[in-house]
Amino acid sequence: MMKDKPAAKTIFEGADSRTFDFYVLWFFLISFVGWLWEVGLHYLTEHTWINRGVYQGPYLPIYGVGGIMLWFTLQRLYKKPVWTFLLSAVLCSVLEYATSVFLEWKWGVRWWDYTGHFLNINGRICLVGAVCFGLGGMLLNCYLLPQYMRLYHRMSPKWRLILCGICLSVFVLDITYCAVHPNMGYGISEKAT
C-alpha cells in the first residue's frame, strides 16, 4: 500500500499563527519602502528632497497598514499576480481614500490631492494611483513578501524583539511629537479647501 505524500510546505506555512514581531517588522519595512517611494518620486518630479508624510521619521504608516492589510487578504495569492494586482488596486485605493478623509478631518490639511488627474474621486484617489497600488501590491505580495519571510526566519527571536523595540520606541516618540506638530509645508501638505 502506497502512502500519500505529505503536501509540500510553503513559505506561508503557519501563516495564521505569526507572532507580534512578524507584523511589527513587516509594518516598518513596508512603511520605509513607501517613504522611499514617495521621497524618490517627489525628488524625480520636483528635483528637491522633502520628507513626505505626517511624521518626522523615514516611514509612511499608510503603506505599513496597507502591507499588513495585503498580508491578511492576499497571502495565499502570491502565485497569482493578476488577482493580486486587481485586489491590491482596489483595497489600497479604499485605504488611501479613508486615510485622506481622516487626515483632513483631524488637521484640516490634505497631504495629497489628485484633482486634475484622470478618473479621480474628490481628489483623494485616481486611476494612476490605483494602478501604482496594484503594481506595488503585486510586487509586494509575489516577490518581496517571500524574501521577507526567508529573512525573518533567519533572524534570531532575540534580535527580532530588539529591532521591534527600537522601531516601536522611535515611532511612539514621533507620534507623540507629531500629534501636536505634524510634518507640514511646501511639497508635503496643503490646506484643505
C-alpha atoms as a PDB file:
ATOM      1  CA  MET A   1       0.000   0.000   0.000  1.00  0.00           C
ATOM      2  CA  MET A   2       1.391   3.398  -1.019  1.00  0.00           C
ATOM      3  CA  LYS A   3       1.294   6.233   1.427  1.00  0.00           C
ATOM      4  CA  ASP A   4       0.157   9.645   0.291  1.00  0.00           C
ATOM      5  CA  LYS A   5       2.981  12.107   0.015  1.00  0.00           C
ATOM      6  CA  PRO A   6       2.705  14.930   2.507  1.00  0.00           C
ATOM      7  CA  ALA A   7       1.870  18.264   0.949  1.00  0.00           C
ATOM      8  CA  ALA A   8       4.893  20.414   0.241  1.00  0.00           C
ATOM      9  CA  LYS A   9       5.360  23.156   2.798  1.00  0.00           C
ATOM     10  CA  THR A  10       5.292  26.709   1.571  1.00  0.00           C
ATOM     11  CA  ILE A  11       6.830  29.825   2.990  1.00  0.00           C
ATOM     12  CA  PHE A  12       3.369  30.684   4.279  1.00  0.00           C
ATOM     13  CA  GLU A  13       3.097  27.569   6.462  1.00  0.00           C
ATOM     14  CA  GLY A  14       1.695  28.558   9.835  1.00  0.00           C
ATOM     15  CA  ALA A  15       0.608  31.952   8.467  1.00  0.00           C
ATOM     16  CA  ASP A  16      -2.288  32.143  10.906  1.00  0.00           C
ATOM     17  CA  SER A  17      -0.018  31.799  13.935  1.00  0.00           C
ATOM     18  CA  ARG A  18       2.515  34.571  13.286  1.00  0.00           C
ATOM     19  CA  THR A  19       3.912  36.374  16.293  1.00  0.00           C
ATOM     20  CA  PHE A  20       3.675  40.066  17.068  1.00  0.00           C
ATOM     21  CA  ASP A  21       7.226  40.783  15.917  1.00  0.00           C
ATOM     22  CA  PHE A  22       6.436  39.419  12.452  1.00  0.00           C
ATOM     23  CA  TYR A  23       3.750  42.072  11.914  1.00  0.00           C
ATOM     24  CA  VAL A  24       5.704  44.892  13.536  1.00  0.00           C
ATOM     25  CA  LEU A  25       8.769  44.311  11.353  1.00  0.00           C
ATOM     26  CA  TRP A  26       6.616  43.878   8.222  1.00  0.00           C
ATOM     27  CA  PHE A  27       4.776  47.131   9.052  1.00  0.00           C
ATOM     28  CA  PHE A  28       8.010  49.107   9.436  1.00  0.00           C
ATOM     29  CA  LEU A  29       9.642  47.551   6.379  1.00  0.00           C
ATOM     30  CA  ILE A  30       6.702  48.479   4.145  1.00  0.00           C
ATOM     31  CA  SER A  31       6.343  51.907   5.802  1.00  0.00           C
ATOM     32  CA  PHE A  32      10.003  52.575   4.991  1.00  0.00           C
ATOM     33  CA  VAL A  33       9.668  51.299   1.406  1.00  0.00           C
ATOM     34  CA  GLY A  34       6.632  53.582   0.982  1.00  0.00           C
ATOM     35  CA  TRP A  35       8.608  56.516   2.343  1.00  0.00           C
ATOM     36  CA  LEU A  36      11.450  55.795  -0.117  1.00  0.00           C
ATOM     37  CA  TRP A  37       8.909  55.628  -2.957  1.00  0.00           C
ATOM     38  CA  GLU A  38       7.271  58.948  -2.029  1.00  0.00           C
ATOM     39  CA  VAL A  39      10.526  60.814  -1.388  1.00  0.00           C
ATOM     40  CA  GLY A  40      12.095  59.390  -4.561  1.00  0.00           C
ATOM     41  CA  LEU A  41       9.067  60.213  -6.695  1.00  0.00           C
ATOM     42  CA  HIS A  42       8.965  63.770  -5.363  1.00  0.00           C
ATOM     43  CA  TYR A  43      12.692  64.139  -5.976  1.00  0.00           C
ATOM     44  CA  LEU A  44      12.332  62.967  -9.582  1.00  0.00           C
ATOM     45  CA  THR A  45       9.364  65.245 -10.327  1.00  0.00           C
ATOM     46  CA  GLU A  46      10.271  68.350  -8.273  1.00  0.00           C
ATOM     47  CA  HIS A  47      14.079  67.936  -8.068  1.00  0.00           C
ATOM     48  CA  THR A  48      14.063  68.571  -4.334  1.00  0.00           C
ATOM     49  CA  TRP A  49      14.318  66.346  -1.260  1.00  0.00           C
ATOM     50  CA  ILE A  50      11.299  66.513   1.048  1.00  0.00           C
ATOM     51  CA  ASN A  51      10.339  64.245   3.955  1.00  0.00           C
ATOM     52  CA  ARG A  52       6.846  63.225   2.876  1.00  0.00           C
ATOM     53  CA  GLY A  53       4.075  62.330   5.305  1.00  0.00           C
ATOM     54  CA  VAL A  54       2.701  63.323   8.697  1.00  0.00           C
ATOM     55  CA  TYR A  55       5.628  62.056  10.784  1.00  0.00           C
ATOM     56  CA  GLN A  56       9.269  63.091  11.034  1.00  0.00           C
ATOM     57  CA  GLY A  57      10.785  59.603  10.680  1.00  0.00           C
ATOM     58  CA  PRO A  58      11.577  57.727   7.448  1.00  0.00           C
ATOM     59  CA  TYR A  59       8.280  55.863   7.266  1.00  0.00           C
ATOM     60  CA  LEU A  60       4.760  56.330   5.988  1.00  0.00           C
ATOM     61  CA  PRO A  61       2.380  54.291   8.152  1.00  0.00           C
ATOM     62  CA  ILE A  62      -0.316  54.221   5.455  1.00  0.00           C
ATOM     63  CA  TYR A  63       1.986  51.927   3.469  1.00  0.00           C
ATOM     64  CA  GLY A  64       2.634  49.756   6.540  1.00  0.00           C
ATOM     65  CA  VAL A  65      -1.096  49.427   7.193  1.00  0.00           C
ATOM     66  CA  GLY A  66      -1.579  48.594   3.518  1.00  0.00           C
ATOM     67  CA  GLY A  67       1.172  45.963   3.752  1.00  0.00           C
ATOM     68  CA  ILE A  68      -0.490  44.330   6.774  1.00  0.00           C
ATOM     69  CA  MET A  69      -3.889  44.508   5.061  1.00  0.00           C
ATOM     70  CA  LEU A  70      -2.480  42.861   1.927  1.00  0.00           C
ATOM     71  CA  TRP A  71      -0.796  40.189   4.064  1.00  0.00           C
ATOM     72  CA  PHE A  72      -4.091  39.170   5.623  1.00  0.00           C
ATOM     73  CA  THR A  73      -6.133  39.337   2.427  1.00  0.00           C
ATOM     74  CA  LEU A  74      -3.730  38.217  -0.302  1.00  0.00           C
ATOM     75  CA  GLN A  75      -1.067  35.987   1.267  1.00  0.00           C
ATOM     76  CA  ARG A  76      -2.396  32.836  -0.410  1.00  0.00           C
ATOM     77  CA  LEU A  77      -2.464  34.539  -3.824  1.00  0.00           C
ATOM     78  CA  TYR A  78       1.293  35.074  -4.022  1.00  0.00           C
ATOM     79  CA  LYS A  79       1.447  32.869  -7.134  1.00  0.00           C
ATOM     80  CA  LYS A  80      -1.463  34.708  -8.811  1.00  0.00           C
ATOM     81  CA  PRO A  81      -0.112  38.113  -9.841  1.00  0.00           C
ATOM     82  CA  VAL A  82      -3.174  39.226 -11.860  1.00  0.00           C
ATOM     83  CA  TRP A  83      -5.574  38.686  -8.955  1.00  0.00           C
ATOM     84  CA  THR A  84      -3.051  40.262  -6.611  1.00  0.00           C
ATOM     85  CA  PHE A  85      -2.818  43.309  -8.889  1.00  0.00           C
ATOM     86  CA  LEU A  86      -6.591  43.816  -9.089  1.00  0.00           C
ATOM     87  CA  LEU A  87      -7.294  43.303  -5.401  1.00  0.00           C
ATOM     88  CA  SER A  88      -4.325  45.450  -4.351  1.00  0.00           C
ATOM     89  CA  ALA A  89      -5.522  48.308  -6.560  1.00  0.00           C
ATOM     90  CA  VAL A  90      -8.995  48.232  -5.005  1.00  0.00           C
ATOM     91  CA  LEU A  91      -8.021  47.620  -1.371  1.00  0.00           C
ATOM     92  CA  CYS A  92      -5.227  50.189  -1.308  1.00  0.00           C
ATOM     93  CA  SER A  93      -7.375  52.814  -3.043  1.00  0.00           C
ATOM     94  CA  VAL A  94     -10.048  52.368  -0.384  1.00  0.00           C
ATOM     95  CA  LEU A  95      -7.383  52.714   2.310  1.00  0.00           C
ATOM     96  CA  GLU A  96      -5.952  55.832   0.651  1.00  0.00           C
ATOM     97  CA  TYR A  97      -9.381  57.442   0.383  1.00  0.00           C
ATOM     98  CA  ALA A  98     -10.262  56.704   4.019  1.00  0.00           C
ATOM     99  CA  THR A  99      -6.869  57.964   5.224  1.00  0.00           C
ATOM    100  CA  SER A 100      -7.263  61.176   3.250  1.00  0.00           C
ATOM    101  CA  VAL A 101     -10.667  61.799   4.815  1.00  0.00           C
ATOM    102  CA  PHE A 102      -9.313  61.114   8.318  1.00  0.00           C
ATOM    103  CA  LEU A 103      -6.236  63.353   7.950  1.00  0.00           C
ATOM    104  CA  GLU A 104      -8.316  66.203   6.580  1.00  0.00           C
ATOM    105  CA  TRP A 105     -10.854  65.812   9.387  1.00  0.00           C
ATOM    106  CA  LYS A 106      -8.126  65.627  12.055  1.00  0.00           C
ATOM    107  CA  TRP A 107      -5.893  68.513  10.923  1.00  0.00           C
ATOM    108  CA  GLY A 108      -7.831  70.330   8.197  1.00  0.00           C
ATOM    109  CA  VAL A 109      -4.960  69.544   5.828  1.00  0.00           C
ATOM    110  CA  ARG A 110      -4.525  67.420   2.715  1.00  0.00           C
ATOM    111  CA  TRP A 111      -1.272  65.546   2.354  1.00  0.00           C
ATOM    112  CA  TRP A 112      -2.122  64.697  -1.291  1.00  0.00           C
ATOM    113  CA  ASP A 113      -4.551  65.930  -3.906  1.00  0.00           C
ATOM    114  CA  TYR A 114      -5.200  64.235  -7.250  1.00  0.00           C
ATOM    115  CA  THR A 115      -7.560  66.924  -8.548  1.00  0.00           C
ATOM    116  CA  GLY A 116      -6.880  67.189 -12.263  1.00  0.00           C
ATOM    117  CA  HIS A 117      -5.734  63.569 -12.593  1.00  0.00           C
ATOM    118  CA  PHE A 118      -7.727  61.251 -14.847  1.00  0.00           C
ATOM    119  CA  LEU A 119     -10.589  59.436 -13.081  1.00  0.00           C
ATOM    120  CA  ASN A 120     -10.005  60.976  -9.658  1.00  0.00           C
ATOM    121  CA  ILE A 121     -12.598  60.788  -6.892  1.00  0.00           C
ATOM    122  CA  ASN A 122     -12.757  64.035  -4.902  1.00  0.00           C
ATOM    123  CA  GLY A 123      -9.023  64.468  -5.463  1.00  0.00           C
ATOM    124  CA  ARG A 124      -8.376  61.717  -2.909  1.00  0.00           C
ATOM    125  CA  ILE A 125      -7.687  58.783  -5.268  1.00  0.00           C
ATOM    126  CA  CYS A 126      -7.182  58.432  -9.017  1.00  0.00           C
ATOM    127  CA  LEU A 127      -6.663  55.793 -11.694  1.00  0.00           C
ATOM    128  CA  VAL A 128      -2.886  56.239 -11.909  1.00  0.00           C
ATOM    129  CA  GLY A 129      -2.639  55.817  -8.133  1.00  0.00           C
ATOM    130  CA  ALA A 130      -4.782  52.685  -8.236  1.00  0.00           C
ATOM    131  CA  VAL A 131      -2.578  51.196 -10.967  1.00  0.00           C
ATOM    132  CA  CYS A 132       0.555  52.022  -8.941  1.00  0.00           C
ATOM    133  CA  PHE A 133      -1.012  50.389  -5.875  1.00  0.00           C
ATOM    134  CA  GLY A 134      -1.893  47.330  -7.953  1.00  0.00           C
ATOM    135  CA  LEU A 135       1.652  47.030  -9.270  1.00  0.00           C
ATOM    136  CA  GLY A 136       3.110  47.722  -5.835  1.00  0.00           C
ATOM    137  CA  GLY A 137       0.837  45.164  -4.202  1.00  0.00           C
ATOM    138  CA  MET A 138       1.749  42.599  -6.831  1.00  0.00           C
ATOM    139  CA  LEU A 139       5.466  43.279  -6.319  1.00  0.00           C
ATOM    140  CA  LEU A 140       4.987  43.179  -2.564  1.00  0.00           C
ATOM    141  CA  ASN A 141       2.898  40.014  -2.359  1.00  0.00           C
ATOM    142  CA  CYS A 142       4.505  37.988  -5.122  1.00  0.00           C
ATOM    143  CA  TYR A 143       8.168  38.946  -4.711  1.00  0.00           C
ATOM    144  CA  LEU A 144       9.031  40.980  -1.601  1.00  0.00           C
ATOM    145  CA  LEU A 145       6.939  39.013   0.911  1.00  0.00           C
ATOM    146  CA  PRO A 146       8.604  35.661   0.158  1.00  0.00           C
ATOM    147  CA  GLN A 147      12.022  37.336   0.574  1.00  0.00           C
ATOM    148  CA  TYR A 148      10.905  38.939   3.838  1.00  0.00           C
ATOM    149  CA  MET A 149       9.690  35.556   5.117  1.00  0.00           C
ATOM    150  CA  ARG A 150      13.092  33.999   4.451  1.00  0.00           C
ATOM    151  CA  LEU A 151      14.951  36.879   6.130  1.00  0.00           C
ATOM    152  CA  TYR A 152      12.555  36.895   9.089  1.00  0.00           C
ATOM    153  CA  HIS A 153      13.138  33.189   9.754  1.00  0.00           C
ATOM    154  CA  ARG A 154      16.923  33.644   9.567  1.00  0.00           C
ATOM    155  CA  MET A 155      16.908  36.262  12.348  1.00  0.00           C
ATOM    156  CA  SER A 156      17.018  35.045  15.919  1.00  0.00           C
ATOM    157  CA  PRO A 157      13.909  35.803  18.029  1.00  0.00           C
ATOM    158  CA  LYS A 158      16.082  37.915  20.330  1.00  0.00           C
ATOM    159  CA  TRP A 159      17.219  40.226  17.510  1.00  0.00           C
ATOM    160  CA  ARG A 160      13.710  40.458  16.105  1.00  0.00           C
ATOM    161  CA  LEU A 161      12.426  41.636  19.500  1.00  0.00           C
ATOM    162  CA  ILE A 162      15.278  44.141  19.906  1.00  0.00           C
ATOM    163  CA  LEU A 163      14.584  45.557  16.453  1.00  0.00           C
ATOM    164  CA  CYS A 164      10.853  45.742  17.232  1.00  0.00           C
ATOM    165  CA  GLY A 165      11.559  47.561  20.495  1.00  0.00           C
ATOM    166  CA  ILE A 166      13.733  50.145  18.761  1.00  0.00           C
ATOM    167  CA  CYS A 167      11.254  50.731  15.924  1.00  0.00           C
ATOM    168  CA  LEU A 168       8.250  50.988  18.247  1.00  0.00           C
ATOM    169  CA  SER A 169      10.027  53.312  20.695  1.00  0.00           C
ATOM    170  CA  VAL A 170      11.076  55.730  17.947  1.00  0.00           C
ATOM    171  CA  PHE A 171       7.611  55.544  16.384  1.00  0.00           C
ATOM    172  CA  VAL A 172       5.785  56.283  19.662  1.00  0.00           C
ATOM    173  CA  LEU A 173       8.029  59.305  20.280  1.00  0.00           C
ATOM    174  CA  ASP A 174       7.401  60.504  16.721  1.00  0.00           C
ATOM    175  CA  ILE A 175       3.623  60.030  17.032  1.00  0.00           C
ATOM    176  CA  THR A 176       3.618  61.948  20.322  1.00  0.00           C
ATOM    177  CA  TYR A 177       5.543  64.862  18.863  1.00  0.00           C
ATOM    178  CA  CYS A 178       3.584  64.945  15.591  1.00  0.00           C
ATOM    179  CA  ALA A 179       0.202  64.789  17.314  1.00  0.00           C
ATOM    180  CA  VAL A 180       0.876  68.438  18.158  1.00  0.00           C
ATOM    181  CA  HIS A 181       3.347  69.358  15.367  1.00  0.00           C
ATOM    182  CA  PRO A 182       2.547  67.288  12.231  1.00  0.00           C
ATOM    183  CA  ASN A 183       5.021  67.459   9.363  1.00  0.00           C
ATOM    184  CA  MET A 184       3.554  70.108   7.041  1.00  0.00           C
ATOM    185  CA  GLY A 185       4.748  72.612   4.487  1.00  0.00           C
ATOM    186  CA  TYR A 186       5.587  73.051   0.837  1.00  0.00           C
ATOM    187  CA  GLY A 187       5.534  69.765  -1.071  1.00  0.00           C
ATOM    188  CA  ILE A 188       4.204  67.890   1.963  1.00  0.00           C
ATOM    189  CA  SER A 189       0.712  69.179   2.594  1.00  0.00           C
ATOM    190  CA  GLU A 190      -1.721  71.889   1.660  1.00  0.00           C
ATOM    191  CA  LYS A 191      -4.622  73.433   3.481  1.00  0.00           C
ATOM    192  CA  ALA A 192      -7.940  71.682   2.828  1.00  0.00           C
ATOM    193  CA  THR A 193     -10.365  73.553   0.618  1.00  0.00           C
END
